[in-house]
Amino acid sequence: MTSRRQSTPITPSQTRWLGVSAPAQEELARWFVEQHRAYDAQPLIDAARATYTDIGATGWLARLDAWDIRRHPTVASSNTTR
């Protein structure tokens, strides 16, 4: 059973840090995938995707989804099988 993050209101100061941490998670996930460590990348991809969704960062979310699907279909497919 997977746990779901509860939505709570995000303050402007939190948004600033979320906007920094999510891209860092995404970049580390990309590096893990390049190192053939998709199993380490997946939690970071999921966290970045959740944060982008929570803060309404549609551009970053689209970029993550495009990279996920185009370059690494096995990582992307694991997102749809949960």
C-alpha atoms as a PDB file:
ATOM      1  CA  MET A   1       0.000   0.000   0.000  1.00  0.00           C
ATOM      2  CA  THR A   2       1.394   3.366  -0.948  1.00  0.00           C
ATOM      3  CA  SER A   3       0.883   6.410   1.193  1.00  0.00           C
ATOM      4  CA  ARG A   4      -0.587   9.576  -0.252  1.00  0.00           C
ATOM      5  CA  ARG A   5       0.662  12.994   0.696  1.00  0.00           C
ATOM      6  CA  GLN A   6      -1.959  15.124   2.317  1.00  0.00           C
ATOM      7  CA  SER A   7      -2.479  18.490   0.725  1.00  0.00           C
ATOM      8  CA  THR A   8      -1.874  21.357   3.086  1.00  0.00           C
ATOM      9  CA  PRO A   9      -1.795  25.040   2.268  1.00  0.00           C
ATOM     10  CA  ILE A  10       1.648  26.148   1.159  1.00  0.00           C
ATOM     11  CA  THR A  11       2.948  29.505   2.331  1.00  0.00           C
ATOM     12  CA  PRO A  12       4.906  31.782  -0.022  1.00  0.00           C
ATOM     13  CA  SER A  13       8.149  31.114   1.873  1.00  0.00           C
ATOM     14  CA  GLN A  14       7.632  27.365   1.543  1.00  0.00           C
ATOM     15  CA  THR A  15       6.985  27.726  -2.174  1.00  0.00           C
ATOM     16  CA  ARG A  16      10.398  29.329  -2.555  1.00  0.00           C
ATOM     17  CA  TRP A  17      12.143  26.321  -1.010  1.00  0.00           C
ATOM     18  CA  LEU A  18       9.971  23.810  -2.825  1.00  0.00           C
ATOM     19  CA  GLY A  19      10.929  25.545  -6.046  1.00  0.00           C
ATOM     20  CA  VAL A  20      14.573  24.869  -5.187  1.00  0.00           C
ATOM     21  CA  SER A  21      14.328  21.342  -3.803  1.00  0.00           C
ATOM     22  CA  ALA A  22      12.175  19.824  -6.553  1.00  0.00           C
ATOM     23  CA  PRO A  23      14.536  20.751  -9.423  1.00  0.00           C
ATOM     24  CA  ALA A  24      17.436  19.412  -7.345  1.00  0.00           C
ATOM     25  CA  GLN A  25      15.562  16.138  -6.863  1.00  0.00           C
ATOM     26  CA  GLU A  26      14.869  16.014 -10.580  1.00  0.00           C
ATOM     27  CA  GLU A  27      18.506  16.609 -11.512  1.00  0.00           C
ATOM     28  CA  LEU A  28      19.725  13.944  -9.084  1.00  0.00           C
ATOM     29  CA  ALA A  29      17.136  11.537 -10.502  1.00  0.00           C
ATOM     30  CA  ARG A  30      18.409  12.225 -14.020  1.00  0.00           C
ATOM     31  CA  TRP A  31      21.945  11.476 -12.859  1.00  0.00           C
ATOM     32  CA  PHE A  32      20.842   8.223 -11.223  1.00  0.00           C
ATOM     33  CA  VAL A  33      19.148   7.130 -14.456  1.00  0.00           C
ATOM     34  CA  GLU A  34      22.301   7.942 -16.442  1.00  0.00           C
ATOM     35  CA  GLN A  35      24.183   5.712 -13.997  1.00  0.00           C
ATOM     36  CA  HIS A  36      21.655   2.897 -14.655  1.00  0.00           C
ATOM     37  CA  ARG A  37      20.176   3.324 -11.174  1.00  0.00           C
ATOM     38  CA  ALA A  38      16.513   3.881 -12.005  1.00  0.00           C
ATOM     39  CA  TYR A  39      15.523   2.251  -8.719  1.00  0.00           C
ATOM     40  CA  ASP A  40      17.244   5.137  -6.889  1.00  0.00           C
ATOM     41  CA  ALA A  41      15.803   7.712  -9.273  1.00  0.00           C
ATOM     42  CA  GLN A  42      12.144   6.760  -8.988  1.00  0.00           C
ATOM     43  CA  PRO A  43      11.458   8.148  -5.476  1.00  0.00           C
ATOM     44  CA  LEU A  44      13.112  11.432  -6.470  1.00  0.00           C
ATOM     45  CA  ILE A  45      11.080  11.650  -9.676  1.00  0.00           C
ATOM     46  CA  ASP A  46       7.897  10.958  -7.730  1.00  0.00           C
ATOM     47  CA  ALA A  47       8.763  13.599  -5.108  1.00  0.00           C
ATOM     48  CA  ALA A  48       9.649  16.220  -7.714  1.00  0.00           C
ATOM     49  CA  ARG A  49       6.462  15.478  -9.661  1.00  0.00           C
ATOM     50  CA  ALA A  50       4.334  15.779  -6.500  1.00  0.00           C
ATOM     51  CA  THR A  51       5.972  19.075  -5.575  1.00  0.00           C
ATOM     52  CA  TYR A  52       5.586  20.517  -9.067  1.00  0.00           C
ATOM     53  CA  THR A  53       1.917  19.546  -8.947  1.00  0.00           C
ATOM     54  CA  ASP A  54       1.422  21.014  -5.457  1.00  0.00           C
ATOM     55  CA  ILE A  55       2.928  24.386  -6.345  1.00  0.00           C
ATOM     56  CA  GLY A  56       1.357  24.545  -9.797  1.00  0.00           C
ATOM     57  CA  ALA A  57       4.669  24.487 -11.669  1.00  0.00           C
ATOM     58  CA  THR A  58       3.173  23.245 -14.914  1.00  0.00           C
ATOM     59  CA  GLY A  59       6.227  24.107 -17.015  1.00  0.00           C
ATOM     60  CA  TRP A  60       8.589  22.128 -14.794  1.00  0.00           C
ATOM     61  CA  LEU A  61       6.069  19.288 -14.625  1.00  0.00           C
ATOM     62  CA  ALA A  62       5.808  19.189 -18.418  1.00  0.00           C
ATOM     63  CA  ARG A  63       9.610  19.167 -18.713  1.00  0.00           C
ATOM     64  CA  LEU A  64       9.869  16.284 -16.233  1.00  0.00           C
ATOM     65  CA  ASP A  65       7.151  14.301 -17.986  1.00  0.00           C
ATOM     66  CA  ALA A  66       8.715  14.877 -21.417  1.00  0.00           C
ATOM     67  CA  TRP A  67      12.118  13.695 -20.191  1.00  0.00           C
ATOM     68  CA  ASP A  68      10.573  10.770 -18.351  1.00  0.00           C
ATOM     69  CA  ILE A  69       8.650   9.467 -21.348  1.00  0.00           C
ATOM     70  CA  ARG A  70      11.027  10.323 -24.180  1.00  0.00           C
ATOM     71  CA  ARG A  71      14.345   9.265 -22.684  1.00  0.00           C
ATOM     72  CA  HIS A  72      13.409   6.620 -20.144  1.00  0.00           C
ATOM     73  CA  PRO A  73      10.180   4.794 -20.952  1.00  0.00           C
ATOM     74  CA  THR A  74      10.786   2.199 -18.243  1.00  0.00           C
ATOM     75  CA  VAL A  75      10.890   4.891 -15.559  1.00  0.00           C
ATOM     76  CA  ALA A  76       7.817   6.608 -16.988  1.00  0.00           C
ATOM     77  CA  SER A  77       5.844   3.372 -17.212  1.00  0.00           C
ATOM     78  CA  SER A  78       6.370   2.706 -13.524  1.00  0.00           C
ATOM     79  CA  ASN A  79       4.473   5.939 -12.814  1.00  0.00           C
ATOM     80  CA  THR A  80       1.375   4.649 -14.551  1.00  0.00           C
ATOM     81  CA  THR A  81       1.362   1.174 -13.031  1.00  0.00           C
ATOM     82  CA  ARG A  82       0.862   2.272  -9.441  1.00  0.00           C
END
